Structure formats: C-alpha cells, structure tokens
Amino acid sequence: MAGFDIQHLMRQARKLEKAMAEAKEKLGELSVEAEAGSGLVKVTMDGRCGVKKLQIDPKVVDPADVAMLEDLVSAAVNAAVEKARTAAEASIQKATGGVQMPGLPY
C-alpha cells in the first residue's frame, strides 16, 4: 500500500478521541427544558439526561389529582429526555464531523 501513513492515521485517531472526550464533557453543560400540561409541569435536564430542575405549578398539587400529577411529571421528563438526547447527538455529530462512531451512547 504505497502512500499509506499509519502515523498520520494514529494522529487523526488521537484528535478524534480528544474531540469525543470534550464533546462528552460538554454534555453536562447542555440545558433543555420540556413541559407538560400547558406549562403546569416543567423539567430542565442536562445533555446526560440528568434532571436539573423540576417545577410543578401549585394549582395541580391537589391530593385528589395524584394520578394526573404523575402523568404530567412522566410526560415532562420523557419529553426532556428526548430533547436532551437529540441535543447530545447533535453535539457528538458536530465533534466527529458526522462520522458514526460505534459504541457511543447517542
């Protein structure tokens, strides 16, 4: 194989590895917000799918409406997870220049 430079390939792999590590680190800095029930429940989540903040409008905290509250919280968290995963995937794609990397969480 004439012209194949393994050293260049290794340098590129190290650059990519560094870019991936930086992208994963930045996932904690991402912030997405989702809501359910026309804003009655809001969830803020980071790019690692960690809930940073959960807000429940006091008017929905009626003991008779526990099932509704559970549904709203579930819907808000699920929406936030989806947004966080989408944002994380975009960040990783940007870092890798669109190259699909096997074994990545997103």
PDB file of N, CA and C in Angstrom:
ATOM      1  N   MET A   1       0.832  -1.167   0.000  1.00  0.00           N
ATOM      2  CA  MET A   1       0.000   0.000   0.000  1.00  0.00           C
ATOM      3  C   MET A   1       0.881   1.235   0.000  1.00  0.00           C
ATOM      4  N   ALA A   2       1.196   1.744  -1.125  1.00  0.00           N
ATOM      5  CA  ALA A   2       2.049   2.919  -1.223  1.00  0.00           C
ATOM      6  C   ALA A   2       1.278   4.154  -0.802  1.00  0.00           C
ATOM      7  N   GLY A   3       1.943   5.024  -0.050  1.00  0.00           N
ATOM      8  CA  GLY A   3       1.341   6.280   0.351  1.00  0.00           C
ATOM      9  C   GLY A   3       0.474   6.204   1.600  1.00  0.00           C
ATOM     10  N   PHE A   4       0.354   5.044   2.239  1.00  0.00           N
ATOM     11  CA  PHE A   4      -0.443   4.912   3.453  1.00  0.00           C
ATOM     12  C   PHE A   4       0.425   5.288   4.642  1.00  0.00           C
ATOM     13  N   ASP A   5       0.007   6.287   5.395  1.00  0.00           N
ATOM     14  CA  ASP A   5       0.781   6.794   6.532  1.00  0.00           C
ATOM     15  C   ASP A   5       0.069   6.428   7.828  1.00  0.00           C
ATOM     16  N   ILE A   6       0.524   5.368   8.462  1.00  0.00           N
ATOM     17  CA  ILE A   6      -0.099   4.907   9.707  1.00  0.00           C
ATOM     18  C   ILE A   6       0.062   5.935  10.824  1.00  0.00           C
ATOM     19  N   GLN A   7       1.163   6.661  10.826  1.00  0.00           N
ATOM     20  CA  GLN A   7       1.379   7.684  11.854  1.00  0.00           C
ATOM     21  C   GLN A   7       0.338   8.799  11.736  1.00  0.00           C
ATOM     22  N   HIS A   8       0.056   9.187  10.492  1.00  0.00           N
ATOM     23  CA  HIS A   8      -0.967  10.212  10.274  1.00  0.00           C
ATOM     24  C   HIS A   8      -2.325   9.707  10.759  1.00  0.00           C
ATOM     25  N   LEU A   9      -2.629   8.476  10.457  1.00  0.00           N
ATOM     26  CA  LEU A   9      -3.888   7.876  10.888  1.00  0.00           C
ATOM     27  C   LEU A   9      -3.976   7.847  12.414  1.00  0.00           C
ATOM     28  N   MET A  10      -2.899   7.520  13.076  1.00  0.00           N
ATOM     29  CA  MET A  10      -2.883   7.478  14.539  1.00  0.00           C
ATOM     30  C   MET A  10      -3.073   8.881  15.123  1.00  0.00           C
ATOM     31  N   ARG A  11      -2.441   9.888  14.503  1.00  0.00           N
ATOM     32  CA  ARG A  11      -2.622  11.268  14.983  1.00  0.00           C
ATOM     33  C   ARG A  11      -4.080  11.686  14.834  1.00  0.00           C
ATOM     34  N   GLN A  12      -4.687  11.325  13.715  1.00  0.00           N
ATOM     35  CA  GLN A  12      -6.090  11.657  13.487  1.00  0.00           C
ATOM     36  C   GLN A  12      -6.983  10.948  14.515  1.00  0.00           C
ATOM     37  N   ALA A  13      -6.662   9.721  14.830  1.00  0.00           N
ATOM     38  CA  ALA A  13      -7.435   8.969  15.820  1.00  0.00           C
ATOM     39  C   ALA A  13      -7.328   9.628  17.187  1.00  0.00           C
ATOM     40  N   ARG A  14      -6.140  10.099  17.552  1.00  0.00           N
ATOM     41  CA  ARG A  14      -5.957  10.781  18.837  1.00  0.00           C
ATOM     42  C   ARG A  14      -6.743  12.092  18.866  1.00  0.00           C
ATOM     43  N   LYS A  15      -6.736  12.819  17.744  1.00  0.00           N
ATOM     44  CA  LYS A  15      -7.512  14.063  17.668  1.00  0.00           C
ATOM     45  C   LYS A  15      -9.004  13.773  17.845  1.00  0.00           C
ATOM     46  N   LEU A  16      -9.468  12.737  17.180  1.00  0.00           N
ATOM     47  CA  LEU A  16     -10.870  12.363  17.273  1.00  0.00           C
ATOM     48  C   LEU A  16     -11.222  11.937  18.699  1.00  0.00           C
ATOM     49  N   GLU A  17     -10.355  11.188  19.321  1.00  0.00           N
ATOM     50  CA  GLU A  17     -10.575  10.749  20.692  1.00  0.00           C
ATOM     51  C   GLU A  17     -10.674  11.952  21.631  1.00  0.00           C
ATOM     52  N   LYS A  18      -9.797  12.931  21.444  1.00  0.00           N
ATOM     53  CA  LYS A  18      -9.823  14.141  22.262  1.00  0.00           C
ATOM     54  C   LYS A  18     -11.116  14.919  22.017  1.00  0.00           C
ATOM     55  N   ALA A  19     -11.519  15.047  20.759  1.00  0.00           N
ATOM     56  CA  ALA A  19     -12.751  15.755  20.429  1.00  0.00           C
ATOM     57  C   ALA A  19     -13.960  15.066  21.048  1.00  0.00           C
ATOM     58  N   MET A  20     -13.963  13.743  21.049  1.00  0.00           N
ATOM     59  CA  MET A  20     -15.064  12.989  21.642  1.00  0.00           C
ATOM     60  C   MET A  20     -15.120  13.205  23.150  1.00  0.00           C
ATOM     61  N   ALA A  21     -13.970  13.195  23.802  1.00  0.00           N
ATOM     62  CA  ALA A  21     -13.931  13.416  25.247  1.00  0.00           C
ATOM     63  C   ALA A  21     -14.442  14.811  25.591  1.00  0.00           C
ATOM     64  N   GLU A  22     -14.046  15.799  24.801  1.00  0.00           N
ATOM     65  CA  GLU A  22     -14.513  17.167  25.022  1.00  0.00           C
ATOM     66  C   GLU A  22     -16.018  17.276  24.795  1.00  0.00           C
ATOM     67  N   ALA A  23     -16.512  16.617  23.760  1.00  0.00           N
ATOM     68  CA  ALA A  23     -17.947  16.659  23.466  1.00  0.00           C
ATOM     69  C   ALA A  23     -18.746  16.019  24.592  1.00  0.00           C
ATOM     70  N   LYS A  24     -18.271  14.896  25.110  1.00  0.00           N
ATOM     71  CA  LYS A  24     -18.972  14.231  26.210  1.00  0.00           C
ATOM     72  C   LYS A  24     -18.967  15.096  27.456  1.00  0.00           C
ATOM     73  N   GLU A  25     -17.850  15.776  27.704  1.00  0.00           N
ATOM     74  CA  GLU A  25     -17.763  16.654  28.869  1.00  0.00           C
ATOM     75  C   GLU A  25     -18.765  17.802  28.742  1.00  0.00           C
ATOM     76  N   LYS A  26     -18.916  18.336  27.556  1.00  0.00           N
ATOM     77  CA  LYS A  26     -19.823  19.454  27.333  1.00  0.00           C
ATOM     78  C   LYS A  26     -21.294  19.052  27.441  1.00  0.00           C
ATOM     79  N   LEU A  27     -21.579  17.767  27.387  1.00  0.00           N
ATOM     80  CA  LEU A  27     -22.966  17.323  27.510  1.00  0.00           C
ATOM     81  C   LEU A  27     -23.564  17.768  28.839  1.00  0.00           C
ATOM     82  N   GLY A  28     -22.749  17.833  29.872  1.00  0.00           N
ATOM     83  CA  GLY A  28     -23.228  18.292  31.169  1.00  0.00           C
ATOM     84  C   GLY A  28     -23.586  19.766  31.174  1.00  0.00           C
ATOM     85  N   GLU A  29     -23.059  20.512  30.205  1.00  0.00           N
ATOM     86  CA  GLU A  29     -23.340  21.945  30.116  1.00  0.00           C
ATOM     87  C   GLU A  29     -24.601  22.238  29.301  1.00  0.00           C
ATOM     88  N   LEU A  30     -25.057  21.283  28.513  1.00  0.00           N
ATOM     89  CA  LEU A  30     -26.286  21.477  27.736  1.00  0.00           C
ATOM     90  C   LEU A  30     -27.466  21.608  28.690  1.00  0.00           C
ATOM     91  N   SER A  31     -28.440  22.365  28.293  1.00  0.00           N
ATOM     92  CA  SER A  31     -29.640  22.513  29.100  1.00  0.00           C
ATOM     93  C   SER A  31     -30.844  22.554  28.168  1.00  0.00           C
ATOM     94  N   VAL A  32     -31.794  21.655  28.409  1.00  0.00           N
ATOM     95  CA  VAL A  32     -33.036  21.638  27.643  1.00  0.00           C
ATOM     96  C   VAL A  32     -34.195  21.680  28.625  1.00  0.00           C
ATOM     97  N   GLU A  33     -35.286  22.275  28.178  1.00  0.00           N
ATOM     98  CA  GLU A  33     -36.476  22.349  29.014  1.00  0.00           C
ATOM     99  C   GLU A  33     -37.655  21.772  28.254  1.00  0.00           C
ATOM    100  N   ALA A  34     -38.478  21.040  28.966  1.00  0.00           N
ATOM    101  CA  ALA A  34     -39.698  20.494  28.380  1.00  0.00           C
ATOM    102  C   ALA A  34     -40.818  20.687  29.387  1.00  0.00           C
ATOM    103  N   GLU A  35     -42.020  20.678  28.870  1.00  0.00           N
ATOM    104  CA  GLU A  35     -43.166  20.883  29.752  1.00  0.00           C
ATOM    105  C   GLU A  35     -44.314  19.979  29.353  1.00  0.00           C
ATOM    106  N   ALA A  36     -45.245  19.858  30.290  1.00  0.00           N
ATOM    107  CA  ALA A  36     -46.462  19.083  30.051  1.00  0.00           C
ATOM    108  C   ALA A  36     -47.627  19.839  30.691  1.00  0.00           C
ATOM    109  N   GLY A  37     -48.817  19.576  30.208  1.00  0.00           N
ATOM    110  CA  GLY A  37     -49.998  20.211  30.782  1.00  0.00           C
ATOM    111  C   GLY A  37     -50.012  21.711  30.608  1.00  0.00           C
ATOM    112  N   SER A  38     -49.628  22.182  29.413  1.00  0.00           N
ATOM    113  CA  SER A  38     -49.601  23.621  29.114  1.00  0.00           C
ATOM    114  C   SER A  38     -48.760  24.407  30.122  1.00  0.00           C
ATOM    115  N   GLY A  39     -47.641  23.822  30.532  1.00  0.00           N
ATOM    116  CA  GLY A  39     -46.709  24.511  31.421  1.00  0.00           C
ATOM    117  C   GLY A  39     -46.933  24.251  32.900  1.00  0.00           C
ATOM    118  N   LEU A  40     -47.869  23.388  33.251  1.00  0.00           N
ATOM    119  CA  LEU A  40     -48.102  23.099  34.663  1.00  0.00           C
ATOM    120  C   LEU A  40     -46.932  22.347  35.287  1.00  0.00           C
ATOM    121  N   VAL A  41     -46.238  21.546  34.490  1.00  0.00           N
ATOM    122  CA  VAL A  41     -45.054  20.826  34.955  1.00  0.00           C
ATOM    123  C   VAL A  41     -43.939  21.102  33.961  1.00  0.00           C
ATOM    124  N   LYS A  42     -42.770  21.520  34.484  1.00  0.00           N
ATOM    125  CA  LYS A  42     -41.610  21.808  33.643  1.00  0.00           C
ATOM    126  C   LYS A  42     -40.399  21.069  34.192  1.00  0.00           C
ATOM    127  N   VAL A  43     -39.600  20.547  33.267  1.00  0.00           N
ATOM    128  CA  VAL A  43     -38.384  19.833  33.635  1.00  0.00           C
ATOM    129  C   VAL A  43     -37.223  20.438  32.853  1.00  0.00           C
ATOM    130  N   THR A  44     -36.132  20.703  33.563  1.00  0.00           N
ATOM    131  CA  THR A  44     -34.898  21.130  32.916  1.00  0.00           C
ATOM    132  C   THR A  44     -33.891  19.999  33.107  1.00  0.00           C
ATOM    133  N   MET A  45     -33.238  19.614  32.006  1.00  0.00           N
ATOM    134  CA  MET A  45     -32.356  18.462  32.022  1.00  0.00           C
ATOM    135  C   MET A  45     -31.063  18.802  31.296  1.00  0.00           C
ATOM    136  N   ASP A  46     -29.971  18.152  31.698  1.00  0.00           N
ATOM    137  CA  ASP A  46     -28.700  18.351  31.004  1.00  0.00           C
ATOM    138  C   ASP A  46     -28.547  17.331  29.881  1.00  0.00           C
ATOM    139  N   GLY A  47     -27.469  17.439  29.134  1.00  0.00           N
ATOM    140  CA  GLY A  47     -27.236  16.561  28.000  1.00  0.00           C
ATOM    141  C   GLY A  47     -26.922  15.130  28.365  1.00  0.00           C
ATOM    142  N   ARG A  48     -26.730  14.869  29.632  1.00  0.00           N
ATOM    143  CA  ARG A  48     -26.503  13.495  30.106  1.00  0.00           C
ATOM    144  C   ARG A  48     -27.790  12.894  30.660  1.00  0.00           C
ATOM    145  N   CYS A  49     -28.902  13.579  30.383  1.00  0.00           N
ATOM    146  CA  CYS A  49     -30.238  13.149  30.819  1.00  0.00           C
ATOM    147  C   CYS A  49     -30.411  13.207  32.333  1.00  0.00           C
ATOM    148  N   GLY A  50     -29.693  14.120  32.968  1.00  0.00           N
ATOM    149  CA  GLY A  50     -29.861  14.347  34.397  1.00  0.00           C
ATOM    150  C   GLY A  50     -30.841  15.488  34.615  1.00  0.00           C
ATOM    151  N   VAL A  51     -31.846  15.271  35.430  1.00  0.00           N
ATOM    152  CA  VAL A  51     -32.825  16.312  35.714  1.00  0.00           C
ATOM    153  C   VAL A  51     -32.158  17.359  36.596  1.00  0.00           C
ATOM    154  N   LYS A  52     -32.120  18.608  36.106  1.00  0.00           N
ATOM    155  CA  LYS A  52     -31.527  19.704  36.852  1.00  0.00           C
ATOM    156  C   LYS A  52     -32.568  20.454  37.671  1.00  0.00           C
ATOM    157  N   LYS A  53     -33.789  20.502  37.161  1.00  0.00           N
ATOM    158  CA  LYS A  53     -34.837  21.253  37.842  1.00  0.00           C
ATOM    159  C   LYS A  53     -36.200  20.685  37.454  1.00  0.00           C
ATOM    160  N   LEU A  54     -37.100  20.607  38.423  1.00  0.00           N
ATOM    161  CA  LEU A  54     -38.470  20.160  38.194  1.00  0.00           C
ATOM    162  C   LEU A  54     -39.385  21.183  38.843  1.00  0.00           C
ATOM    163  N   GLN A  55     -40.275  21.766  38.060  1.00  0.00           N
ATOM    164  CA  GLN A  55     -41.218  22.764  38.570  1.00  0.00           C
ATOM    165  C   GLN A  55     -42.634  22.244  38.401  1.00  0.00           C
ATOM    166  N   ILE A  56     -43.415  22.286  39.485  1.00  0.00           N
ATOM    167  CA  ILE A  56     -44.817  21.879  39.439  1.00  0.00           C
ATOM    168  C   ILE A  56     -45.643  23.072  39.907  1.00  0.00           C
ATOM    169  N   ASP A  57     -46.551  23.506  39.060  1.00  0.00           N
ATOM    170  CA  ASP A  57     -47.431  24.613  39.412  1.00  0.00           C
ATOM    171  C   ASP A  57     -48.272  24.198  40.618  1.00  0.00           C
ATOM    172  N   PRO A  58     -48.299  25.021  41.675  1.00  0.00           N
ATOM    173  CA  PRO A  58     -49.040  24.648  42.884  1.00  0.00           C
ATOM    174  C   PRO A  58     -50.512  24.320  42.659  1.00  0.00           C
ATOM    175  N   LYS A  59     -51.111  24.854  41.614  1.00  0.00           N
ATOM    176  CA  LYS A  59     -52.530  24.574  41.411  1.00  0.00           C
ATOM    177  C   LYS A  59     -52.810  23.136  40.983  1.00  0.00           C
ATOM    178  N   VAL A  60     -51.779  22.351  40.673  1.00  0.00           N
ATOM    179  CA  VAL A  60     -52.011  20.951  40.294  1.00  0.00           C
ATOM    180  C   VAL A  60     -51.730  19.982  41.438  1.00  0.00           C
ATOM    181  N   VAL A  61     -51.339  20.486  42.575  1.00  0.00           N
ATOM    182  CA  VAL A  61     -50.993  19.613  43.691  1.00  0.00           C
ATOM    183  C   VAL A  61     -52.200  19.443  44.620  1.00  0.00           C
ATOM    184  N   ASP A  62     -53.224  18.859  44.084  1.00  0.00           N
ATOM    185  CA  ASP A  62     -54.432  18.528  44.840  1.00  0.00           C
ATOM    186  C   ASP A  62     -54.382  17.023  45.094  1.00  0.00           C
ATOM    187  N   PRO A  63     -54.504  16.606  46.341  1.00  0.00           N
ATOM    188  CA  PRO A  63     -54.410  15.168  46.641  1.00  0.00           C
ATOM    189  C   PRO A  63     -55.330  14.293  45.791  1.00  0.00           C
ATOM    190  N   ALA A  64     -56.440  14.837  45.361  1.00  0.00           N
ATOM    191  CA  ALA A  64     -57.376  14.052  44.548  1.00  0.00           C
ATOM    192  C   ALA A  64     -56.854  13.836  43.128  1.00  0.00           C
ATOM    193  N   ASP A  65     -55.829  14.596  42.743  1.00  0.00           N
ATOM    194  CA  ASP A  65     -55.319  14.534  41.377  1.00  0.00           C
ATOM    195  C   ASP A  65     -53.932  13.899  41.279  1.00  0.00           C
ATOM    196  N   VAL A  66     -53.625  13.002  42.174  1.00  0.00           N
ATOM    197  CA  VAL A  66     -52.300  12.386  42.189  1.00  0.00           C
ATOM    198  C   VAL A  66     -51.990  11.698  40.866  1.00  0.00           C
ATOM    199  N   ALA A  67     -52.934  10.987  40.313  1.00  0.00           N
ATOM    200  CA  ALA A  67     -52.699  10.275  39.050  1.00  0.00           C
ATOM    201  C   ALA A  67     -52.378  11.252  37.932  1.00  0.00           C
ATOM    202  N   MET A  68     -53.117  12.363  37.888  1.00  0.00           N
ATOM    203  CA  MET A  68     -52.840  13.365  36.862  1.00  0.00           C
ATOM    204  C   MET A  68     -51.432  13.939  37.039  1.00  0.00           C
ATOM    205  N   LEU A  69     -51.054  14.233  38.276  1.00  0.00           N
ATOM    206  CA  LEU A  69     -49.721  14.771  38.546  1.00  0.00           C
ATOM    207  C   LEU A  69     -48.648  13.785  38.113  1.00  0.00           C
ATOM    208  N   GLU A  70     -48.841  12.528  38.412  1.00  0.00           N
ATOM    209  CA  GLU A  70     -47.876  11.514  37.986  1.00  0.00           C
ATOM    210  C   GLU A  70     -47.761  11.467  36.468  1.00  0.00           C
ATOM    211  N   ASP A  71     -48.869  11.534  35.783  1.00  0.00           N
ATOM    212  CA  ASP A  71     -48.848  11.518  34.318  1.00  0.00           C
ATOM    213  C   ASP A  71     -48.132  12.744  33.761  1.00  0.00           C
ATOM    214  N   LEU A  72     -48.408  13.914  34.336  1.00  0.00           N
ATOM    215  CA  LEU A  72     -47.760  15.138  33.867  1.00  0.00           C
ATOM    216  C   LEU A  72     -46.248  15.096  34.080  1.00  0.00           C
ATOM    217  N   VAL A  73     -45.829  14.641  35.259  1.00  0.00           N
ATOM    218  CA  VAL A  73     -44.390  14.564  35.537  1.00  0.00           C
ATOM    219  C   VAL A  73     -43.728  13.566  34.589  1.00  0.00           C
ATOM    220  N   SER A  74     -44.356  12.439  34.389  1.00  0.00           N
ATOM    221  CA  SER A  74     -43.798  11.445  33.464  1.00  0.00           C
ATOM    222  C   SER A  74     -43.680  12.005  32.054  1.00  0.00           C
ATOM    223  N   ALA A  75     -44.715  12.683  31.591  1.00  0.00           N
ATOM    224  CA  ALA A  75     -44.690  13.243  30.243  1.00  0.00           C
ATOM    225  C   ALA A  75     -43.601  14.306  30.113  1.00  0.00           C
ATOM    226  N   ALA A  76     -43.460  15.165  31.115  1.00  0.00           N
ATOM    227  CA  ALA A  76     -42.432  16.212  31.065  1.00  0.00           C
ATOM    228  C   ALA A  76     -41.027  15.614  31.076  1.00  0.00           C
ATOM    229  N   VAL A  77     -40.791  14.631  31.923  1.00  0.00           N
ATOM    230  CA  VAL A  77     -39.465  14.003  31.990  1.00  0.00           C
ATOM    231  C   VAL A  77     -39.152  13.285  30.683  1.00  0.00           C
ATOM    232  N   ASN A  78     -40.108  12.553  30.150  1.00  0.00           N
ATOM    233  CA  ASN A  78     -39.870  11.855  28.885  1.00  0.00           C
ATOM    234  C   ASN A  78     -39.578  12.826  27.749  1.00  0.00           C
ATOM    235  N   ALA A  79     -40.292  13.949  27.697  1.00  0.00           N
ATOM    236  CA  ALA A  79     -40.047  14.955  26.661  1.00  0.00           C
ATOM    237  C   ALA A  79     -38.652  15.563  26.832  1.00  0.00           C
ATOM    238  N   ALA A  80     -38.249  15.824  28.076  1.00  0.00           N
ATOM    239  CA  ALA A  80     -36.917  16.378  28.331  1.00  0.00           C
ATOM    240  C   ALA A  80     -35.816  15.391  27.957  1.00  0.00           C
ATOM    241  N   VAL A  81     -36.022  14.119  28.247  1.00  0.00           N
ATOM    242  CA  VAL A  81     -35.038  13.095  27.871  1.00  0.00           C
ATOM    243  C   VAL A  81     -34.854  13.069  26.360  1.00  0.00           C
ATOM    244  N   GLU A  82     -35.939  13.125  25.627  1.00  0.00           N
ATOM    245  CA  GLU A  82     -35.850  13.094  24.166  1.00  0.00           C
ATOM    246  C   GLU A  82     -35.113  14.323  23.641  1.00  0.00           C
ATOM    247  N   LYS A  83     -35.425  15.495  24.186  1.00  0.00           N
ATOM    248  CA  LYS A  83     -34.728  16.709  23.759  1.00  0.00           C
ATOM    249  C   LYS A  83     -33.242  16.661  24.116  1.00  0.00           C
ATOM    250  N   ALA A  84     -32.924  16.162  25.300  1.00  0.00           N
ATOM    251  CA  ALA A  84     -31.524  16.071  25.724  1.00  0.00           C
ATOM    252  C   ALA A  84     -30.753  15.104  24.833  1.00  0.00           C
ATOM    253  N   ARG A  85     -31.347  13.989  24.497  1.00  0.00           N
ATOM    254  CA  ARG A  85     -30.686  13.023  23.614  1.00  0.00           C
ATOM    255  C   ARG A  85     -30.463  13.611  22.225  1.00  0.00           C
ATOM    256  N   THR A  86     -31.441  14.342  21.720  1.00  0.00           N
ATOM    257  CA  THR A  86     -31.306  14.981  20.410  1.00  0.00           C
ATOM    258  C   THR A  86     -30.183  16.007  20.429  1.00  0.00           C
ATOM    259  N   ALA A  87     -30.136  16.824  21.485  1.00  0.00           N
ATOM    260  CA  ALA A  87     -29.076  17.834  21.608  1.00  0.00           C
ATOM    261  C   ALA A  87     -27.714  17.175  21.764  1.00  0.00           C
ATOM    262  N   ALA A  88     -27.638  16.100  22.540  1.00  0.00           N
ATOM    263  CA  ALA A  88     -26.376  15.386  22.733  1.00  0.00           C
ATOM    264  C   ALA A  88     -25.894  14.764  21.435  1.00  0.00           C
ATOM    265  N   GLU A  89     -26.815  14.176  20.686  1.00  0.00           N
ATOM    266  CA  GLU A  89     -26.459  13.567  19.409  1.00  0.00           C
ATOM    267  C   GLU A  89     -25.922  14.622  18.439  1.00  0.00           C
ATOM    268  N   ALA A  90     -26.561  15.782  18.411  1.00  0.00           N
ATOM    269  CA  ALA A  90     -26.096  16.867  17.544  1.00  0.00           C
ATOM    270  C   ALA A  90     -24.704  17.331  17.950  1.00  0.00           C
ATOM    271  N   SER A  91     -24.455  17.413  19.242  1.00  0.00           N
ATOM    272  CA  SER A  91     -23.143  17.826  19.740  1.00  0.00           C
ATOM    273  C   SER A  91     -22.056  16.819  19.361  1.00  0.00           C
ATOM    274  N   ILE A  92     -22.367  15.549  19.516  1.00  0.00           N
ATOM    275  CA  ILE A  92     -21.403  14.500  19.168  1.00  0.00           C
ATOM    276  C   ILE A  92     -21.167  14.468  17.664  1.00  0.00           C
ATOM    277  N   GLN A  93     -22.232  14.615  16.874  1.00  0.00           N
ATOM    278  CA  GLN A  93     -22.082  14.635  15.419  1.00  0.00           C
ATOM    279  C   GLN A  93     -21.201  15.798  14.984  1.00  0.00           C
ATOM    280  N   LYS A  94     -21.367  16.948  15.641  1.00  0.00           N
ATOM    281  CA  LYS A  94     -20.543  18.116  15.323  1.00  0.00           C
ATOM    282  C   LYS A  94     -19.075  17.828  15.644  1.00  0.00           C
ATOM    283  N   ALA A  95     -18.829  17.206  16.784  1.00  0.00           N
ATOM    284  CA  ALA A  95     -17.454  16.904  17.198  1.00  0.00           C
ATOM    285  C   ALA A  95     -16.779  15.895  16.286  1.00  0.00           C
ATOM    286  N   THR A  96     -17.558  14.958  15.740  1.00  0.00           N
ATOM    287  CA  THR A  96     -16.980  13.909  14.903  1.00  0.00           C
ATOM    288  C   THR A  96     -17.066  14.237  13.422  1.00  0.00           C
ATOM    289  N   GLY A  97     -17.620  15.390  13.100  1.00  0.00           N
ATOM    290  CA  GLY A  97     -17.766  15.757  11.702  1.00  0.00           C
ATOM    291  C   GLY A  97     -18.752  14.859  10.971  1.00  0.00           C
ATOM    292  N   GLY A  98     -19.696  14.298  11.704  1.00  0.00           N
ATOM    293  CA  GLY A  98     -20.724  13.451  11.110  1.00  0.00           C
ATOM    294  C   GLY A  98     -20.335  11.986  10.980  1.00  0.00           C
ATOM    295  N   VAL A  99     -19.130  11.638  11.430  1.00  0.00           N
ATOM    296  CA  VAL A  99     -18.687  10.240  11.362  1.00  0.00           C
ATOM    297  C   VAL A  99     -19.405   9.442  12.443  1.00  0.00           C
ATOM    298  N   GLN A 100     -20.041   8.351  12.064  1.00  0.00           N
ATOM    299  CA  GLN A 100     -20.717   7.491  13.036  1.00  0.00           C
ATOM    300  C   GLN A 100     -19.672   6.694  13.800  1.00  0.00           C
ATOM    301  N   MET A 101     -19.735   6.790  15.123  1.00  0.00           N
ATOM    302  CA  MET A 101     -18.778   6.100  15.972  1.00  0.00           C
ATOM    303  C   MET A 101     -19.504   4.972  16.706  1.00  0.00           C
ATOM    304  N   PRO A 102     -19.060   3.725  16.537  1.00  0.00           N
ATOM    305  CA  PRO A 102     -19.712   2.633  17.230  1.00  0.00           C
ATOM    306  C   PRO A 102     -19.496   2.734  18.739  1.00  0.00           C
ATOM    307  N   GLY A 103     -20.503   2.344  19.501  1.00  0.00           N
ATOM    308  CA  GLY A 103     -20.375   2.304  20.947  1.00  0.00           C
ATOM    309  C   GLY A 103     -20.705   3.600  21.650  1.00  0.00           C
ATOM    310  N   LEU A 104     -21.072   4.650  20.921  1.00  0.00           N
ATOM    311  CA  LEU A 104     -21.448   5.895  21.590  1.00  0.00           C
ATOM    312  C   LEU A 104     -22.872   5.776  22.118  1.00  0.00           C
ATOM    313  N   PRO A 105     -23.138   6.453  23.242  1.00  0.00           N
ATOM    314  CA  PRO A 105     -24.459   6.322  23.840  1.00  0.00           C
ATOM    315  C   PRO A 105     -25.562   6.967  23.026  1.00  0.00           C
ATOM    316  N   TYR A 106     -25.260   7.857  22.101  1.00  0.00           N
ATOM    317  CA  TYR A 106     -26.289   8.536  21.330  1.00  0.00           C
ATOM    318  C   TYR A 106     -26.048   8.302  19.879  1.00  0.00           C
TER     319      TYR A 106
END
